[in-house]
Amino acid sequence: MANPKTPQLDSRQLQIEDTDASPACVMTFNANDPSGAGGLTADIASITSAGAHPLAVVTGAYVRDTAEIFDHFAFDEEAVTDQARSALEDMPVAAIKVGFVGSPENISTIAEIASDYADVPLIAYMPNLAWWEESEIDSYLDAFRELMLPQTTVLVGNHSSLWRWLLPDWPGERNPSARDIAKAAADLGVPYTLVTGIPMPDQFIDNVLATPQAVLYSEKFERFEAVFAGAGDTLSAALCALLANGHDLQAATAEALTFLDHSLDAGFHPGMGNIVPDRLFWAQADVDPEDETGEDAGDASDDIDLTSTSTLDLPPNGTTKH
């Protein structure tokens, strides 16, 4: 029997009182990756590391290891819709990430869901699809171009992948710049494009957030002498979570790139294939066992702050608002 002197709170009161302390919810649409290198595993770890709560919608499953992708099985669009709608009707979503979703039908249903949340930023990541059949790639990219890009706030992708997709007939002798790619994306409705892996001299690569008019942020990293799996999902998921937490776009981009750099630097070799980013590098901080106060804990990640916030200054994903 309850103590009559203790005030009793029903579940609705508890829910209201917990709201202010709750992390922002981020919905991610992606395929399950049994190797843990990319896909939903990368999204969940990155979103959680950035201080947000992942609402992970499974759109299908890869057949893969850490070295290569052998196949993919897509869920039907009804299964994707039911997962997303049930979560969205229960929890407010602050940002949406779309990774590889497996079929034009899934692209269509996700675009329809996103249109119902047009005030929510949508981060779209386009991975390298060279492992897939050419006919499937073409139909997937056509659907993504026509249905998803008009609702995308930030498009994320590797320079070579975005170049081949958005500028297949590029005529120039020089490689297209980030602004050239951003212009092609803007013609399809995307206001911001984050182009990664741009080759630079002296073993550096550049990562550039751009619009057709300007470079908004860029950061160069020294090229790792290793091949990683899951870097793109890691970056785009972290960016999405940071935006959900209230960072403005430039600050979120800087934090997400720093997070990726730390994750790659701490990457590990779980199998016989490529290196997997360690998205929980911050949990491996060295602690002096003789220091009971733990004052030195966290030194390894002192230069990355995934919790600070600033004013969110982004267009929503609805095309009429860009």
Protein backbone atom coordinates (compact mmCIF):
# COMPACT_ATOMS: atom_id res chain seq x y z
CA MET A 1 0.00 0.00 0.00
CA ALA A 2 1.32 3.42 -0.94
CA ASN A 3 2.45 5.76 1.79
CA PRO A 4 -0.34 8.39 2.07
CA LYS A 5 2.27 11.10 2.66
CA THR A 6 4.02 10.35 -0.68
CA PRO A 7 2.45 12.16 -3.65
CA GLN A 8 1.42 9.69 -6.35
CA LEU A 9 2.20 10.49 -9.99
CA ASP A 10 0.45 8.75 -12.83
CA SER A 11 2.28 7.82 -16.04
CA ARG A 12 1.07 10.95 -17.86
CA GLN A 13 2.54 13.21 -15.15
CA LEU A 14 5.83 11.32 -15.27
CA GLN A 15 5.96 11.65 -19.02
CA ILE A 16 5.42 15.41 -18.84
CA GLU A 17 8.01 15.87 -16.09
CA ASP A 18 10.64 13.83 -17.99
CA THR A 19 10.20 15.70 -21.26
CA ASP A 20 12.67 18.52 -20.56
CA ALA A 21 15.42 16.08 -19.61
CA SER A 22 14.89 13.73 -22.53
CA PRO A 23 17.43 13.61 -25.38
CA ALA A 24 16.29 14.69 -28.83
CA CYS A 25 14.86 11.88 -30.95
CA VAL A 26 16.44 11.17 -34.34
CA MET A 27 14.76 8.81 -36.80
CA THR A 28 17.08 6.93 -39.13
CA PHE A 29 16.07 4.82 -42.10
CA ASN A 30 18.81 2.37 -43.04
CA ALA A 31 19.66 -1.27 -43.70
CA ASN A 32 20.87 -3.61 -41.00
CA ASP A 33 24.56 -4.43 -41.31
CA PRO A 34 25.45 -7.72 -39.56
CA SER A 35 29.16 -6.85 -39.61
CA GLY A 36 28.55 -3.72 -37.53
CA ALA A 37 30.60 -1.64 -39.96
CA GLY A 38 27.85 0.61 -41.31
CA GLY A 39 24.09 0.74 -41.72
CA LEU A 40 21.88 0.95 -38.66
CA THR A 41 24.65 -0.17 -36.31
CA ALA A 42 26.77 2.84 -37.28
CA ASP A 43 23.75 5.14 -37.06
CA ILE A 44 22.69 3.99 -33.61
CA ALA A 45 26.20 4.23 -32.13
CA SER A 46 26.86 7.65 -33.70
CA ILE A 47 23.50 9.14 -32.76
CA THR A 48 23.85 7.90 -29.20
CA SER A 49 27.40 9.24 -28.96
CA ALA A 50 26.13 12.65 -30.07
CA GLY A 51 23.63 12.68 -27.21
CA ALA A 52 20.42 11.89 -29.10
CA HIS A 53 17.96 9.01 -28.95
CA PRO A 54 17.87 6.85 -32.12
CA LEU A 55 14.57 5.73 -33.61
CA ALA A 56 15.98 3.08 -35.95
CA VAL A 57 13.77 1.93 -38.82
CA VAL A 58 15.04 -1.22 -40.56
CA THR A 59 14.57 -0.94 -44.32
CA GLY A 60 16.32 -4.21 -45.18
CA ALA A 61 19.48 -6.18 -44.50
CA TYR A 62 22.91 -6.42 -46.05
CA VAL A 63 24.65 -9.72 -46.60
CA ARG A 64 28.19 -8.59 -45.90
CA ASP A 65 31.34 -8.80 -43.86
CA THR A 66 33.88 -6.10 -43.07
CA ALA A 67 35.49 -6.49 -46.50
CA GLU A 68 32.60 -6.33 -48.96
CA ILE A 69 28.85 -6.35 -49.55
CA PHE A 70 27.59 -9.55 -51.19
CA ASP A 71 23.86 -8.86 -51.37
CA HIS A 72 20.97 -6.94 -49.89
CA PHE A 73 17.38 -7.88 -49.06
CA ALA A 74 14.89 -5.01 -48.92
CA PHE A 75 11.85 -4.92 -46.64
CA ASP A 76 8.58 -4.11 -48.34
CA GLU A 77 7.33 -0.56 -48.02
CA GLU A 78 4.45 -1.49 -45.70
CA ALA A 79 6.87 -2.87 -43.11
CA VAL A 80 8.94 0.33 -43.32
CA THR A 81 5.86 2.53 -43.03
CA ASP A 82 4.45 0.67 -40.03
CA GLN A 83 7.74 0.87 -38.13
CA ALA A 84 8.15 4.58 -38.73
CA ARG A 85 4.56 5.66 -38.18
CA SER A 86 4.20 3.80 -34.89
CA ALA A 87 7.30 5.52 -33.48
CA LEU A 88 6.44 8.94 -34.90
CA GLU A 89 2.95 8.86 -33.41
CA ASP A 90 4.48 8.26 -29.98
CA MET A 91 7.63 10.45 -29.93
CA PRO A 92 8.53 13.86 -31.35
CA VAL A 93 11.33 13.67 -33.90
CA ALA A 94 13.92 16.46 -34.16
CA ALA A 95 15.78 15.25 -37.27
CA ILE A 96 15.61 12.48 -39.87
CA LYS A 97 18.45 10.58 -41.51
CA VAL A 98 18.02 8.53 -44.69
CA GLY A 99 20.76 6.06 -45.57
CA PHE A 100 20.56 3.13 -47.99
CA VAL A 101 16.95 1.96 -48.02
CA GLY A 102 17.11 -0.75 -50.67
CA SER A 103 14.39 0.00 -53.21
CA PRO A 104 12.55 2.76 -55.08
CA GLU A 105 9.40 1.72 -53.26
CA ASN A 106 11.02 2.36 -49.89
CA ILE A 107 12.32 5.70 -51.11
CA SER A 108 8.78 6.64 -52.10
CA THR A 109 7.23 5.68 -48.77
CA ILE A 110 9.97 7.43 -46.76
CA ALA A 111 9.55 10.57 -48.86
CA GLU A 112 5.82 10.49 -48.10
CA ILE A 113 6.49 10.13 -44.37
CA ALA A 114 9.04 12.95 -44.44
CA SER A 115 6.56 15.23 -46.20
CA ASP A 116 4.30 14.93 -43.17
CA TYR A 117 7.17 16.30 -41.05
CA ALA A 118 8.26 19.07 -43.38
CA ASP A 119 9.59 21.25 -40.54
CA VAL A 120 12.12 18.58 -39.53
CA PRO A 121 15.64 18.68 -41.08
CA LEU A 122 16.36 15.65 -43.27
CA ILE A 123 19.93 14.45 -43.78
CA ALA A 124 20.36 12.15 -46.79
CA TYR A 125 23.48 10.04 -47.21
CA MET A 126 24.33 8.52 -50.58
CA PRO A 127 26.81 5.65 -50.26
CA ASN A 128 28.88 3.99 -52.96
CA LEU A 129 26.58 1.50 -54.71
CA ALA A 130 29.19 -0.09 -56.97
CA TRP A 131 28.56 -3.50 -55.38
CA TRP A 132 24.97 -3.57 -56.74
CA GLU A 133 23.55 -4.53 -60.14
CA GLU A 134 23.67 -1.64 -62.61
CA SER A 135 19.94 -1.75 -63.39
CA GLU A 136 19.09 -1.61 -59.69
CA ILE A 137 21.49 1.27 -59.14
CA ASP A 138 19.91 3.29 -61.93
CA SER A 139 16.33 2.84 -60.71
CA TYR A 140 17.35 3.55 -57.11
CA LEU A 141 19.23 6.73 -57.98
CA ASP A 142 16.42 7.95 -60.22
CA ALA A 143 13.89 7.53 -57.40
CA PHE A 144 16.20 9.16 -54.87
CA ARG A 145 16.77 12.10 -57.21
CA GLU A 146 13.09 12.64 -57.93
CA LEU A 147 11.51 11.86 -54.56
CA MET A 148 14.07 12.27 -51.78
CA LEU A 149 16.31 15.12 -52.84
CA PRO A 150 13.47 17.68 -53.04
CA GLN A 151 12.90 17.04 -49.30
CA THR A 152 16.56 16.88 -48.29
CA THR A 153 18.09 19.59 -46.12
CA VAL A 154 21.70 18.35 -46.28
CA LEU A 155 23.01 15.82 -48.80
CA VAL A 156 26.13 13.95 -47.63
CA GLY A 157 28.37 11.89 -49.87
CA ASN A 158 31.86 11.16 -51.06
CA HIS A 159 33.17 13.41 -53.83
CA SER A 160 33.53 10.62 -56.38
CA SER A 161 30.10 9.10 -55.65
CA LEU A 162 28.29 12.44 -55.87
CA TRP A 163 30.24 13.41 -58.98
CA ARG A 164 29.29 10.22 -60.85
CA TRP A 165 25.66 10.55 -59.78
CA LEU A 166 24.91 14.26 -60.08
CA LEU A 167 27.40 15.29 -62.79
CA PRO A 168 27.75 12.23 -65.04
CA ASP A 169 28.49 14.38 -68.10
CA TRP A 170 30.96 16.73 -66.41
CA PRO A 171 32.86 18.28 -69.33
CA GLY A 172 35.72 20.10 -67.63
CA GLU A 173 39.33 19.01 -67.52
CA ARG A 174 39.42 19.81 -63.81
CA ASN A 175 37.46 17.81 -61.27
CA PRO A 176 34.18 19.38 -60.14
CA SER A 177 34.45 21.39 -56.94
CA ALA A 178 32.19 21.04 -53.93
CA ARG A 179 30.29 24.09 -55.16
CA ASP A 180 29.80 22.48 -58.58
CA ILE A 181 28.30 19.42 -56.90
CA ALA A 182 26.24 21.61 -54.56
CA LYS A 183 24.83 23.45 -57.58
CA ALA A 184 23.77 20.19 -59.20
CA ALA A 185 22.13 19.14 -55.93
CA ALA A 186 20.47 22.55 -55.51
CA ASP A 187 18.92 22.20 -58.98
CA LEU A 188 17.16 19.14 -57.54
CA GLY A 189 15.99 20.93 -54.38
CA VAL A 190 18.88 20.45 -51.91
CA PRO A 191 20.00 23.66 -50.16
CA TYR A 192 23.21 22.28 -48.57
CA THR A 193 25.68 19.59 -49.64
CA LEU A 194 28.50 18.11 -47.56
CA VAL A 195 31.10 16.69 -49.95
CA THR A 196 33.70 14.44 -48.33
CA GLY A 197 36.94 12.87 -49.46
CA ILE A 198 37.99 15.53 -51.98
CA PRO A 199 41.57 14.66 -53.03
CA MET A 200 44.20 17.23 -52.11
CA PRO A 201 47.98 17.38 -52.58
CA ASP A 202 50.37 15.90 -50.02
CA GLN A 203 48.09 13.08 -48.89
CA PHE A 204 45.32 15.30 -47.58
CA ILE A 205 41.59 15.16 -48.24
CA ASP A 206 39.13 18.00 -47.93
CA ASN A 207 35.57 17.93 -46.61
CA VAL A 208 33.40 20.83 -47.69
CA LEU A 209 29.93 22.06 -46.74
CA ALA A 210 28.75 24.13 -49.69
CA THR A 211 25.91 25.85 -51.47
CA PRO A 212 26.08 26.92 -55.13
CA GLN A 213 27.05 30.40 -53.94
CA ALA A 214 29.59 29.72 -51.21
CA VAL A 215 31.70 27.34 -49.17
CA LEU A 216 30.21 27.45 -45.68
CA TYR A 217 32.74 25.24 -43.93
CA SER A 218 35.74 23.13 -44.88
CA GLU A 219 38.19 21.00 -42.99
CA LYS A 220 41.19 19.08 -44.27
CA PHE A 221 42.38 15.81 -42.79
CA GLU A 222 45.50 13.82 -43.45
CA ARG A 223 44.66 10.70 -45.42
CA PHE A 224 44.69 7.50 -43.37
CA GLU A 225 46.80 4.67 -44.75
CA ALA A 226 43.89 2.29 -44.30
CA VAL A 227 40.51 1.40 -45.76
CA PHE A 228 37.47 1.95 -43.55
CA ALA A 229 33.93 0.60 -43.73
CA GLY A 230 31.05 2.71 -42.43
CA ALA A 231 32.64 6.17 -42.38
CA GLY A 232 29.84 7.84 -44.36
CA ASP A 233 27.08 6.49 -42.14
CA THR A 234 29.07 7.56 -39.09
CA LEU A 235 29.46 11.14 -40.31
CA SER A 236 25.91 11.63 -41.55
CA ALA A 237 24.32 10.12 -38.43
CA ALA A 238 26.46 12.27 -36.13
CA LEU A 239 25.60 15.37 -38.16
CA CYS A 240 21.90 14.55 -37.94
CA ALA A 241 22.05 14.06 -34.17
CA LEU A 242 23.99 17.28 -33.62
CA LEU A 243 21.41 19.23 -35.62
CA ALA A 244 18.68 17.61 -33.55
CA ASN A 245 20.48 18.79 -30.42
CA GLY A 246 20.28 22.40 -31.56
CA HIS A 247 23.64 23.10 -33.22
CA ASP A 248 23.61 25.41 -36.20
CA LEU A 249 24.69 23.81 -39.46
CA GLN A 250 28.31 24.98 -39.53
CA ALA A 251 28.92 24.06 -35.88
CA ALA A 252 27.26 20.66 -36.38
CA THR A 253 29.39 20.00 -39.46
CA ALA A 254 32.60 20.87 -37.59
CA GLU A 255 31.64 18.66 -34.64
CA ALA A 256 30.57 15.76 -36.89
CA LEU A 257 33.81 15.84 -38.87
CA THR A 258 35.83 15.92 -35.65
CA PHE A 259 33.79 13.00 -34.35
CA LEU A 260 34.47 11.06 -37.54
CA ASP A 261 38.19 11.83 -37.39
CA HIS A 262 38.40 10.56 -33.80
CA SER A 263 36.35 7.48 -34.70
CA LEU A 264 38.66 6.64 -37.61
CA ASP A 265 41.77 7.32 -35.56
CA ALA A 266 40.51 4.84 -32.95
CA GLY A 267 39.30 2.38 -35.58
CA PHE A 268 39.77 -1.33 -35.01
CA HIS A 269 40.01 -4.56 -37.01
CA PRO A 270 37.22 -6.90 -35.81
CA GLY A 271 37.61 -9.28 -38.76
CA MET A 272 39.74 -9.99 -41.80
CA GLY A 273 38.40 -7.09 -43.89
CA ASN A 274 38.42 -3.32 -43.53
CA ILE A 275 38.83 -1.24 -40.39
CA VAL A 276 35.65 -0.26 -38.53
CA PRO A 277 35.40 3.21 -36.95
CA ASP A 278 35.18 3.20 -33.16
CA ARG A 279 32.19 5.48 -32.53
CA LEU A 280 32.61 4.95 -28.79
CA PHE A 281 36.23 6.12 -28.70
CA TRP A 282 35.28 8.62 -25.98
CA ALA A 283 34.40 5.74 -23.64
CA GLN A 284 37.95 4.39 -23.85
CA ALA A 285 39.57 7.38 -22.12
CA ASP A 286 42.58 6.44 -20.02
CA VAL A 287 42.01 6.64 -16.30
CA ASP A 288 44.81 6.42 -13.74
CA PRO A 289 43.78 3.53 -11.49
CA GLU A 290 45.40 5.35 -8.55
CA ASP A 291 43.29 8.44 -9.19
CA GLU A 292 40.10 7.64 -7.35
CA THR A 293 38.62 10.99 -8.23
CA GLY A 294 38.85 10.26 -11.93
CA GLU A 295 40.02 13.80 -12.64
CA ASP A 296 41.99 12.68 -15.71
CA ALA A 297 39.09 10.78 -17.23
CA GLY A 298 38.05 12.05 -20.61
CA ASP A 299 41.41 13.54 -21.60
CA ALA A 300 41.29 11.61 -24.86
CA SER A 301 38.18 13.46 -25.94
CA ASP A 302 38.62 16.88 -24.35
CA ASP A 303 38.79 18.51 -27.77
CA ILE A 304 35.42 17.25 -28.97
CA ASP A 305 32.17 18.49 -27.50
CA LEU A 306 29.09 16.64 -28.68
CA THR A 307 26.68 18.14 -26.19
CA SER A 308 27.00 21.90 -26.50
CA THR A 309 24.19 23.58 -28.39
CA SER A 310 23.48 26.74 -30.31
CA THR A 311 20.52 28.07 -32.23
CA LEU A 312 19.30 25.71 -34.95
CA ASP A 313 19.30 27.69 -38.16
CA LEU A 314 18.22 25.29 -40.88
CA PRO A 315 15.53 25.20 -43.49
CA PRO A 316 13.04 22.37 -42.94
CA ASN A 317 12.89 19.50 -45.39
CA GLY A 318 9.73 20.72 -47.17
CA THR A 319 10.62 21.98 -50.63
CA THR A 320 8.43 25.06 -50.32
CA LYS A 321 10.47 26.23 -47.34
CA HIS A 322 13.94 26.10 -48.91
